Amino acid sequence: MDEWADTDFDHIGDRGGSPAAHQSGCVDINTASRDQLQEIVHIDQDRAREIERLRERSPFTDVSSLRTRVQGIGPQRVEEIIEQDKACVP
């Protein structure tokens, strides 16, 4: 059983629409280059390429959606991405 199955991530790490979303150092996962995406913890070249491919079809609505859309990004990793406070969706 998935220990995170009942966890609600919708309220954390969105940064979208907030003034913090425009702070320097924020990597917008919908517009960042592959190199910029790799500044985010747990995002290597393969995941950056996958993010680029996925966002072409449908933009990410928030950082926590990485958990459901990117292979290998589960609840623990998305939590660490959010804690890093680098990724954003303005």
PDB file of N, CA and C in Angstrom:
ATOM      1  N   MET A   1       0.840  -1.188   0.000  1.00  0.00           N
ATOM      2  CA  MET A   1       0.000   0.000   0.000  1.00  0.00           C
ATOM      3  C   MET A   1       0.880   1.245   0.000  1.00  0.00           C
ATOM      4  N   ASP A   2       0.493   2.232  -0.748  1.00  0.00           N
ATOM      5  CA  ASP A   2       1.239   3.477  -0.854  1.00  0.00           C
ATOM      6  C   ASP A   2       1.004   4.315   0.392  1.00  0.00           C
ATOM      7  N   GLU A   3       2.063   4.527   1.171  1.00  0.00           N
ATOM      8  CA  GLU A   3       1.921   5.274   2.422  1.00  0.00           C
ATOM      9  C   GLU A   3       1.535   6.730   2.204  1.00  0.00           C
ATOM     10  N   TRP A   4       1.699   7.232   0.982  1.00  0.00           N
ATOM     11  CA  TRP A   4       1.388   8.627   0.664  1.00  0.00           C
ATOM     12  C   TRP A   4       0.056   8.781  -0.057  1.00  0.00           C
ATOM     13  N   ALA A   5      -0.654   7.688  -0.265  1.00  0.00           N
ATOM     14  CA  ALA A   5      -1.867   7.704  -1.085  1.00  0.00           C
ATOM     15  C   ALA A   5      -2.905   8.711  -0.607  1.00  0.00           C
ATOM     16  N   ASP A   6      -3.031   8.890   0.692  1.00  0.00           N
ATOM     17  CA  ASP A   6      -4.041   9.805   1.226  1.00  0.00           C
ATOM     18  C   ASP A   6      -3.507  11.197   1.513  1.00  0.00           C
ATOM     19  N   THR A   7      -2.255  11.468   1.149  1.00  0.00           N
ATOM     20  CA  THR A   7      -1.652  12.760   1.416  1.00  0.00           C
ATOM     21  C   THR A   7      -2.115  13.784   0.394  1.00  0.00           C
ATOM     22  N   ASP A   8      -2.538  14.928   0.868  1.00  0.00           N
ATOM     23  CA  ASP A   8      -3.003  16.011  -0.002  1.00  0.00           C
ATOM     24  C   ASP A   8      -1.852  16.976  -0.225  1.00  0.00           C
ATOM     25  N   PHE A   9      -1.294  16.983  -1.435  1.00  0.00           N
ATOM     26  CA  PHE A   9      -0.182  17.851  -1.765  1.00  0.00           C
ATOM     27  C   PHE A   9      -0.638  19.148  -2.422  1.00  0.00           C
ATOM     28  N   ASP A  10      -1.931  19.296  -2.659  1.00  0.00           N
ATOM     29  CA  ASP A  10      -2.433  20.445  -3.409  1.00  0.00           C
ATOM     30  C   ASP A  10      -2.146  21.784  -2.750  1.00  0.00           C
ATOM     31  N   HIS A  11      -1.943  21.796  -1.453  1.00  0.00           N
ATOM     32  CA  HIS A  11      -1.777  23.065  -0.754  1.00  0.00           C
ATOM     33  C   HIS A  11      -0.324  23.482  -0.575  1.00  0.00           C
ATOM     34  N   ILE A  12       0.626  22.647  -0.990  1.00  0.00           N
ATOM     35  CA  ILE A  12       2.027  22.992  -0.766  1.00  0.00           C
ATOM     36  C   ILE A  12       2.770  23.150  -2.075  1.00  0.00           C
ATOM     37  N   GLY A  13       3.717  24.046  -2.081  1.00  0.00           N
ATOM     38  CA  GLY A  13       4.662  24.170  -3.161  1.00  0.00           C
ATOM     39  C   GLY A  13       4.148  24.743  -4.463  1.00  0.00           C
ATOM     40  N   ASP A  14       2.957  25.258  -4.491  1.00  0.00           N
ATOM     41  CA  ASP A  14       2.419  25.760  -5.740  1.00  0.00           C
ATOM     42  C   ASP A  14       3.148  27.015  -6.179  1.00  0.00           C
ATOM     43  N   ARG A  15       3.299  27.957  -5.313  1.00  0.00           N
ATOM     44  CA  ARG A  15       3.950  29.228  -5.573  1.00  0.00           C
ATOM     45  C   ARG A  15       3.310  29.970  -6.730  1.00  0.00           C
ATOM     46  N   GLY A  16       2.365  29.355  -7.388  1.00  0.00           N
ATOM     47  CA  GLY A  16       1.693  30.000  -8.502  1.00  0.00           C
ATOM     48  C   GLY A  16       0.801  31.125  -8.016  1.00  0.00           C
ATOM     49  N   GLY A  17       0.866  32.265  -8.702  1.00  0.00           N
ATOM     50  CA  GLY A  17       0.018  33.384  -8.357  1.00  0.00           C
ATOM     51  C   GLY A  17       0.491  34.193  -7.172  1.00  0.00           C
ATOM     52  N   SER A  18       1.516  33.757  -6.496  1.00  0.00           N
ATOM     53  CA  SER A  18       1.995  34.497  -5.331  1.00  0.00           C
ATOM     54  C   SER A  18       3.193  35.349  -5.721  1.00  0.00           C
ATOM     55  N   PRO A  19       3.461  36.412  -4.968  1.00  0.00           N
ATOM     56  CA  PRO A  19       4.631  37.236  -5.270  1.00  0.00           C
ATOM     57  C   PRO A  19       5.929  36.441  -5.243  1.00  0.00           C
ATOM     58  N   ALA A  20       5.988  35.391  -4.427  1.00  0.00           N
ATOM     59  CA  ALA A  20       7.205  34.582  -4.334  1.00  0.00           C
ATOM     60  C   ALA A  20       7.516  33.868  -5.638  1.00  0.00           C
ATOM     61  N   ALA A  21       6.513  33.700  -6.479  1.00  0.00           N
ATOM     62  CA  ALA A  21       6.720  32.987  -7.733  1.00  0.00           C
ATOM     63  C   ALA A  21       7.654  33.748  -8.662  1.00  0.00           C
ATOM     64  N   HIS A  22       7.822  35.023  -8.434  1.00  0.00           N
ATOM     65  CA  HIS A  22       8.648  35.833  -9.321  1.00  0.00           C
ATOM     66  C   HIS A  22       9.998  36.191  -8.703  1.00  0.00           C
ATOM     67  N   GLN A  23      10.329  35.582  -7.576  1.00  0.00           N
ATOM     68  CA  GLN A  23      11.605  35.883  -6.940  1.00  0.00           C
ATOM     69  C   GLN A  23      12.746  35.357  -7.801  1.00  0.00           C
ATOM     70  N   SER A  24      13.901  35.956  -7.662  1.00  0.00           N
ATOM     71  CA  SER A  24      15.037  35.495  -8.455  1.00  0.00           C
ATOM     72  C   SER A  24      15.395  34.077  -8.038  1.00  0.00           C
ATOM     73  N   GLY A  25      15.839  33.308  -8.988  1.00  0.00           N
ATOM     74  CA  GLY A  25      16.204  31.931  -8.704  1.00  0.00           C
ATOM     75  C   GLY A  25      15.075  30.939  -8.881  1.00  0.00           C
ATOM     76  N   CYS A  26      13.890  31.414  -9.131  1.00  0.00           N
ATOM     77  CA  CYS A  26      12.748  30.543  -9.356  1.00  0.00           C
ATOM     78  C   CYS A  26      12.868  29.925 -10.747  1.00  0.00           C
ATOM     79  N   VAL A  27      12.751  28.616 -10.840  1.00  0.00           N
ATOM     80  CA  VAL A  27      12.810  27.915 -12.118  1.00  0.00           C
ATOM     81  C   VAL A  27      11.383  27.521 -12.499  1.00  0.00           C
ATOM     82  N   ASP A  28      10.828  28.234 -13.468  1.00  0.00           N
ATOM     83  CA  ASP A  28       9.462  27.975 -13.941  1.00  0.00           C
ATOM     84  C   ASP A  28       9.474  26.682 -14.745  1.00  0.00           C
ATOM     85  N   ILE A  29       8.844  25.647 -14.236  1.00  0.00           N
ATOM     86  CA  ILE A  29       8.908  24.351 -14.906  1.00  0.00           C
ATOM     87  C   ILE A  29       8.181  24.339 -16.252  1.00  0.00           C
ATOM     88  N   ASN A  30       7.396  25.365 -16.537  1.00  0.00           N
ATOM     89  CA  ASN A  30       6.714  25.446 -17.827  1.00  0.00           C
ATOM     90  C   ASN A  30       7.513  26.164 -18.908  1.00  0.00           C
ATOM     91  N   THR A  31       8.550  26.906 -18.530  1.00  0.00           N
ATOM     92  CA  THR A  31       9.302  27.672 -19.526  1.00  0.00           C
ATOM     93  C   THR A  31      10.817  27.485 -19.443  1.00  0.00           C
ATOM     94  N   ALA A  32      11.311  26.876 -18.404  1.00  0.00           N
ATOM     95  CA  ALA A  32      12.762  26.754 -18.194  1.00  0.00           C
ATOM     96  C   ALA A  32      13.414  25.875 -19.254  1.00  0.00           C
ATOM     97  N   SER A  33      14.664  26.184 -19.528  1.00  0.00           N
ATOM     98  CA  SER A  33      15.458  25.351 -20.436  1.00  0.00           C
ATOM     99  C   SER A  33      15.796  24.039 -19.733  1.00  0.00           C
ATOM    100  N   ARG A  34      16.291  23.093 -20.512  1.00  0.00           N
ATOM    101  CA  ARG A  34      16.694  21.805 -19.933  1.00  0.00           C
ATOM    102  C   ARG A  34      17.767  22.001 -18.866  1.00  0.00           C
ATOM    103  N   ASP A  35      18.727  22.883 -19.132  1.00  0.00           N
ATOM    104  CA  ASP A  35      19.778  23.157 -18.142  1.00  0.00           C
ATOM    105  C   ASP A  35      19.202  23.768 -16.870  1.00  0.00           C
ATOM    106  N   GLN A  36      18.270  24.698 -17.020  1.00  0.00           N
ATOM    107  CA  GLN A  36      17.644  25.328 -15.847  1.00  0.00           C
ATOM    108  C   GLN A  36      16.848  24.311 -15.042  1.00  0.00           C
ATOM    109  N   LEU A  37      16.133  23.427 -15.718  1.00  0.00           N
ATOM    110  CA  LEU A  37      15.359  22.401 -15.014  1.00  0.00           C
ATOM    111  C   LEU A  37      16.261  21.515 -14.167  1.00  0.00           C
ATOM    112  N   GLN A  38      17.481  21.286 -14.642  1.00  0.00           N
ATOM    113  CA  GLN A  38      18.405  20.420 -13.913  1.00  0.00           C
ATOM    114  C   GLN A  38      18.962  21.078 -12.652  1.00  0.00           C
ATOM    115  N   GLU A  39      18.660  22.351 -12.425  1.00  0.00           N
ATOM    116  CA  GLU A  39      19.020  23.002 -11.166  1.00  0.00           C
ATOM    117  C   GLU A  39      18.099  22.544 -10.032  1.00  0.00           C
ATOM    118  N   ILE A  40      16.992  21.931 -10.391  1.00  0.00           N
ATOM    119  CA  ILE A  40      16.015  21.443  -9.414  1.00  0.00           C
ATOM    120  C   ILE A  40      16.453  20.065  -8.937  1.00  0.00           C
ATOM    121  N   VAL A  41      16.433  19.859  -7.635  1.00  0.00           N
ATOM    122  CA  VAL A  41      16.815  18.579  -7.053  1.00  0.00           C
ATOM    123  C   VAL A  41      15.971  17.458  -7.681  1.00  0.00           C
ATOM    124  N   HIS A  42      16.609  16.325  -7.964  1.00  0.00           N
ATOM    125  CA  HIS A  42      15.996  15.127  -8.546  1.00  0.00           C
ATOM    126  C   HIS A  42      15.650  15.255 -10.028  1.00  0.00           C
ATOM    127  N   ILE A  43      15.976  16.378 -10.661  1.00  0.00           N
ATOM    128  CA  ILE A  43      15.715  16.526 -12.090  1.00  0.00           C
ATOM    129  C   ILE A  43      17.040  16.384 -12.833  1.00  0.00           C
ATOM    130  N   ASP A  44      17.212  15.230 -13.460  1.00  0.00           N
ATOM    131  CA  ASP A  44      18.398  14.999 -14.278  1.00  0.00           C
ATOM    132  C   ASP A  44      18.050  15.280 -15.745  1.00  0.00           C
ATOM    133  N   GLN A  45      18.964  14.995 -16.637  1.00  0.00           N
ATOM    134  CA  GLN A  45      18.740  15.294 -18.050  1.00  0.00           C
ATOM    135  C   GLN A  45      17.513  14.562 -18.602  1.00  0.00           C
ATOM    136  N   ASP A  46      17.340  13.305 -18.220  1.00  0.00           N
ATOM    137  CA  ASP A  46      16.200  12.534 -18.722  1.00  0.00           C
ATOM    138  C   ASP A  46      14.876  13.091 -18.216  1.00  0.00           C
ATOM    139  N   ARG A  47      14.809  13.430 -16.943  1.00  0.00           N
ATOM    140  CA  ARG A  47      13.567  14.002 -16.402  1.00  0.00           C
ATOM    141  C   ARG A  47      13.308  15.391 -16.968  1.00  0.00           C
ATOM    142  N   ALA A  48      14.362  16.164 -17.184  1.00  0.00           N
ATOM    143  CA  ALA A  48      14.190  17.492 -17.788  1.00  0.00           C
ATOM    144  C   ALA A  48      13.605  17.357 -19.194  1.00  0.00           C
ATOM    145  N   ARG A  49      14.105  16.386 -19.934  1.00  0.00           N
ATOM    146  CA  ARG A  49      13.584  16.131 -21.278  1.00  0.00           C
ATOM    147  C   ARG A  49      12.106  15.716 -21.207  1.00  0.00           C
ATOM    148  N   GLU A  50      11.773  14.882 -20.225  1.00  0.00           N
ATOM    149  CA  GLU A  50      10.383  14.454 -20.065  1.00  0.00           C
ATOM    150  C   GLU A  50       9.475  15.630 -19.697  1.00  0.00           C
ATOM    151  N   ILE A  51       9.949  16.514 -18.828  1.00  0.00           N
ATOM    152  CA  ILE A  51       9.172  17.703 -18.453  1.00  0.00           C
ATOM    153  C   ILE A  51       8.920  18.566 -19.681  1.00  0.00           C
ATOM    154  N   GLU A  52       9.947  18.757 -20.506  1.00  0.00           N
ATOM    155  CA  GLU A  52       9.780  19.537 -21.739  1.00  0.00           C
ATOM    156  C   GLU A  52       8.702  18.917 -22.636  1.00  0.00           C
ATOM    157  N   ARG A  53       8.743  17.611 -22.770  1.00  0.00           N
ATOM    158  CA  ARG A  53       7.776  16.911 -23.617  1.00  0.00           C
ATOM    159  C   ARG A  53       6.357  17.030 -23.047  1.00  0.00           C
ATOM    160  N   LEU A  54       6.226  16.829 -21.751  1.00  0.00           N
ATOM    161  CA  LEU A  54       4.912  16.873 -21.113  1.00  0.00           C
ATOM    162  C   LEU A  54       4.286  18.262 -21.155  1.00  0.00           C
ATOM    163  N   ARG A  55       5.081  19.285 -20.924  1.00  0.00           N
ATOM    164  CA  ARG A  55       4.526  20.644 -20.879  1.00  0.00           C
ATOM    165  C   ARG A  55       4.096  21.144 -22.256  1.00  0.00           C
ATOM    166  N   GLU A  56       4.641  20.540 -23.328  1.00  0.00           N
ATOM    167  CA  GLU A  56       4.193  20.896 -24.672  1.00  0.00           C
ATOM    168  C   GLU A  56       2.735  20.482 -24.883  1.00  0.00           C
ATOM    169  N   ARG A  57       2.364  19.351 -24.308  1.00  0.00           N
ATOM    170  CA  ARG A  57       0.988  18.855 -24.426  1.00  0.00           C
ATOM    171  C   ARG A  57       0.043  19.590 -23.493  1.00  0.00           C
ATOM    172  N   SER A  58       0.526  19.823 -22.275  1.00  0.00           N
ATOM    173  CA  SER A  58      -0.317  20.463 -21.261  1.00  0.00           C
ATOM    174  C   SER A  58       0.591  21.069 -20.189  1.00  0.00           C
ATOM    175  N   PRO A  59       0.519  22.381 -19.971  1.00  0.00           N
ATOM    176  CA  PRO A  59       1.376  23.005 -18.956  1.00  0.00           C
ATOM    177  C   PRO A  59       1.111  22.433 -17.562  1.00  0.00           C
ATOM    178  N   PHE A  60       2.128  22.494 -16.749  1.00  0.00           N
ATOM    179  CA  PHE A  60       1.984  22.084 -15.346  1.00  0.00           C
ATOM    180  C   PHE A  60       1.187  23.154 -14.614  1.00  0.00           C
ATOM    181  N   THR A  61       0.279  22.735 -13.758  1.00  0.00           N
ATOM    182  CA  THR A  61      -0.547  23.679 -12.998  1.00  0.00           C
ATOM    183  C   THR A  61       0.100  24.076 -11.682  1.00  0.00           C
ATOM    184  N   ASP A  62       0.951  23.215 -11.155  1.00  0.00           N
ATOM    185  CA  ASP A  62       1.684  23.499  -9.923  1.00  0.00           C
ATOM    186  C   ASP A  62       2.854  22.527  -9.800  1.00  0.00           C
ATOM    187  N   VAL A  63       3.739  22.817  -8.884  1.00  0.00           N
ATOM    188  CA  VAL A  63       4.941  21.994  -8.716  1.00  0.00           C
ATOM    189  C   VAL A  63       4.574  20.581  -8.272  1.00  0.00           C
ATOM    190  N   SER A  64       3.573  20.446  -7.428  1.00  0.00           N
ATOM    191  CA  SER A  64       3.211  19.120  -6.925  1.00  0.00           C
ATOM    192  C   SER A  64       2.710  18.198  -8.033  1.00  0.00           C
ATOM    193  N   SER A  65       2.308  18.735  -9.183  1.00  0.00           N
ATOM    194  CA  SER A  65       1.854  17.880 -10.282  1.00  0.00           C
ATOM    195  C   SER A  65       2.999  17.092 -10.913  1.00  0.00           C
ATOM    196  N   LEU A  66       4.241  17.431 -10.602  1.00  0.00           N
ATOM    197  CA  LEU A  66       5.372  16.620 -11.038  1.00  0.00           C
ATOM    198  C   LEU A  66       5.207  15.185 -10.544  1.00  0.00           C
ATOM    199  N   ARG A  67       4.604  15.042  -9.374  1.00  0.00           N
ATOM    200  CA  ARG A  67       4.419  13.735  -8.739  1.00  0.00           C
ATOM    201  C   ARG A  67       3.581  12.799  -9.606  1.00  0.00           C
ATOM    202  N   THR A  68       2.584  13.311 -10.260  1.00  0.00           N
ATOM    203  CA  THR A  68       1.689  12.463 -11.029  1.00  0.00           C
ATOM    204  C   THR A  68       2.039  12.406 -12.516  1.00  0.00           C
ATOM    205  N   ARG A  69       2.883  13.317 -12.976  1.00  0.00           N
ATOM    206  CA  ARG A  69       3.150  13.394 -14.412  1.00  0.00           C
ATOM    207  C   ARG A  69       4.542  12.932 -14.828  1.00  0.00           C
ATOM    208  N   VAL A  70       5.509  12.968 -13.929  1.00  0.00           N
ATOM    209  CA  VAL A  70       6.890  12.640 -14.296  1.00  0.00           C
ATOM    210  C   VAL A  70       7.285  11.309 -13.657  1.00  0.00           C
ATOM    211  N   GLN A  71       7.665  10.364 -14.500  1.00  0.00           N
ATOM    212  CA  GLN A  71       8.063   9.050 -14.008  1.00  0.00           C
ATOM    213  C   GLN A  71       9.251   9.167 -13.064  1.00  0.00           C
ATOM    214  N   GLY A  72       9.152   8.509 -11.914  1.00  0.00           N
ATOM    215  CA  GLY A  72      10.235   8.511 -10.940  1.00  0.00           C
ATOM    216  C   GLY A  72      10.163   9.633  -9.925  1.00  0.00           C
ATOM    217  N   ILE A  73       9.194  10.537 -10.076  1.00  0.00           N
ATOM    218  CA  ILE A  73       8.998  11.602  -9.088  1.00  0.00           C
ATOM    219  C   ILE A  73       7.779  11.215  -8.251  1.00  0.00           C
ATOM    220  N   GLY A  74       8.043  10.672  -7.098  1.00  0.00           N
ATOM    221  CA  GLY A  74       6.971  10.265  -6.190  1.00  0.00           C
ATOM    222  C   GLY A  74       6.777  11.291  -5.089  1.00  0.00           C
ATOM    223  N   PRO A  75       5.977  10.948  -4.101  1.00  0.00           N
ATOM    224  CA  PRO A  75       5.663  11.886  -3.017  1.00  0.00           C
ATOM    225  C   PRO A  75       6.890  12.409  -2.273  1.00  0.00           C
ATOM    226  N   GLN A  76       7.831  11.528  -1.965  1.00  0.00           N
ATOM    227  CA  GLN A  76       9.019  11.959  -1.220  1.00  0.00           C
ATOM    228  C   GLN A  76       9.864  12.915  -2.051  1.00  0.00           C
ATOM    229  N   ARG A  77      10.051  12.594  -3.311  1.00  0.00           N
ATOM    230  CA  ARG A  77      10.865  13.460  -4.176  1.00  0.00           C
ATOM    231  C   ARG A  77      10.192  14.798  -4.418  1.00  0.00           C
ATOM    232  N   VAL A  78       8.886  14.805  -4.635  1.00  0.00           N
ATOM    233  CA  VAL A  78       8.212  16.084  -4.862  1.00  0.00           C
ATOM    234  C   VAL A  78       8.273  16.933  -3.588  1.00  0.00           C
ATOM    235  N   GLU A  79       8.221  16.295  -2.434  1.00  0.00           N
ATOM    236  CA  GLU A  79       8.355  17.033  -1.181  1.00  0.00           C
ATOM    237  C   GLU A  79       9.736  17.693  -1.091  1.00  0.00           C
ATOM    238  N   GLU A  80      10.782  16.960  -1.494  1.00  0.00           N
ATOM    239  CA  GLU A  80      12.138  17.517  -1.478  1.00  0.00           C
ATOM    240  C   GLU A  80      12.290  18.633  -2.508  1.00  0.00           C
ATOM    241  N   ILE A  81      11.640  18.495  -3.656  1.00  0.00           N
ATOM    242  CA  ILE A  81      11.655  19.558  -4.667  1.00  0.00           C
ATOM    243  C   ILE A  81      11.007  20.815  -4.098  1.00  0.00           C
ATOM    244  N   ILE A  82       9.886  20.653  -3.443  1.00  0.00           N
ATOM    245  CA  ILE A  82       9.178  21.781  -2.847  1.00  0.00           C
ATOM    246  C   ILE A  82      10.007  22.427  -1.746  1.00  0.00           C
ATOM    247  N   GLU A  83      10.632  21.587  -0.905  1.00  0.00           N
ATOM    248  CA  GLU A  83      11.470  22.112   0.175  1.00  0.00           C
ATOM    249  C   GLU A  83      12.672  22.891  -0.357  1.00  0.00           C
ATOM    250  N   GLN A  84      13.196  22.491  -1.505  1.00  0.00           N
ATOM    251  CA  GLN A  84      14.320  23.217  -2.099  1.00  0.00           C
ATOM    252  C   GLN A  84      13.911  24.648  -2.454  1.00  0.00           C
ATOM    253  N   ASP A  85      12.635  24.853  -2.748  1.00  0.00           N
ATOM    254  CA  ASP A  85      12.071  26.175  -3.041  1.00  0.00           C
ATOM    255  C   ASP A  85      12.703  26.814  -4.286  1.00  0.00           C
ATOM    256  N   LYS A  86      12.989  25.981  -5.274  1.00  0.00           N
ATOM    257  CA  LYS A  86      13.586  26.455  -6.514  1.00  0.00           C
ATOM    258  C   LYS A  86      12.580  26.402  -7.666  1.00  0.00           C
ATOM    259  N   ALA A  87      11.831  25.316  -7.746  1.00  0.00           N
ATOM    260  CA  ALA A  87      10.856  25.129  -8.823  1.00  0.00           C
ATOM    261  C   ALA A  87       9.596  25.957  -8.543  1.00  0.00           C
ATOM    262  N   CYS A  88       8.995  26.462  -9.625  1.00  0.00           N
ATOM    263  CA  CYS A  88       7.758  27.219  -9.460  1.00  0.00           C
ATOM    264  C   CYS A  88       6.917  27.137 -10.713  1.00  0.00           C
ATOM    265  N   VAL A  89       5.665  27.486 -10.562  1.00  0.00           N
ATOM    266  CA  VAL A  89       4.716  27.677 -11.662  1.00  0.00           C
ATOM    267  C   VAL A  89       4.036  29.014 -11.370  1.00  0.00           C
ATOM    268  N   PRO A  90       4.591  30.103 -11.938  1.00  0.00           N
ATOM    269  CA  PRO A  90       4.013  31.425 -11.651  1.00  0.00           C
ATOM    270  C   PRO A  90       2.586  31.567 -12.133  1.00  0.00           C
TER     271      PRO A  90
END
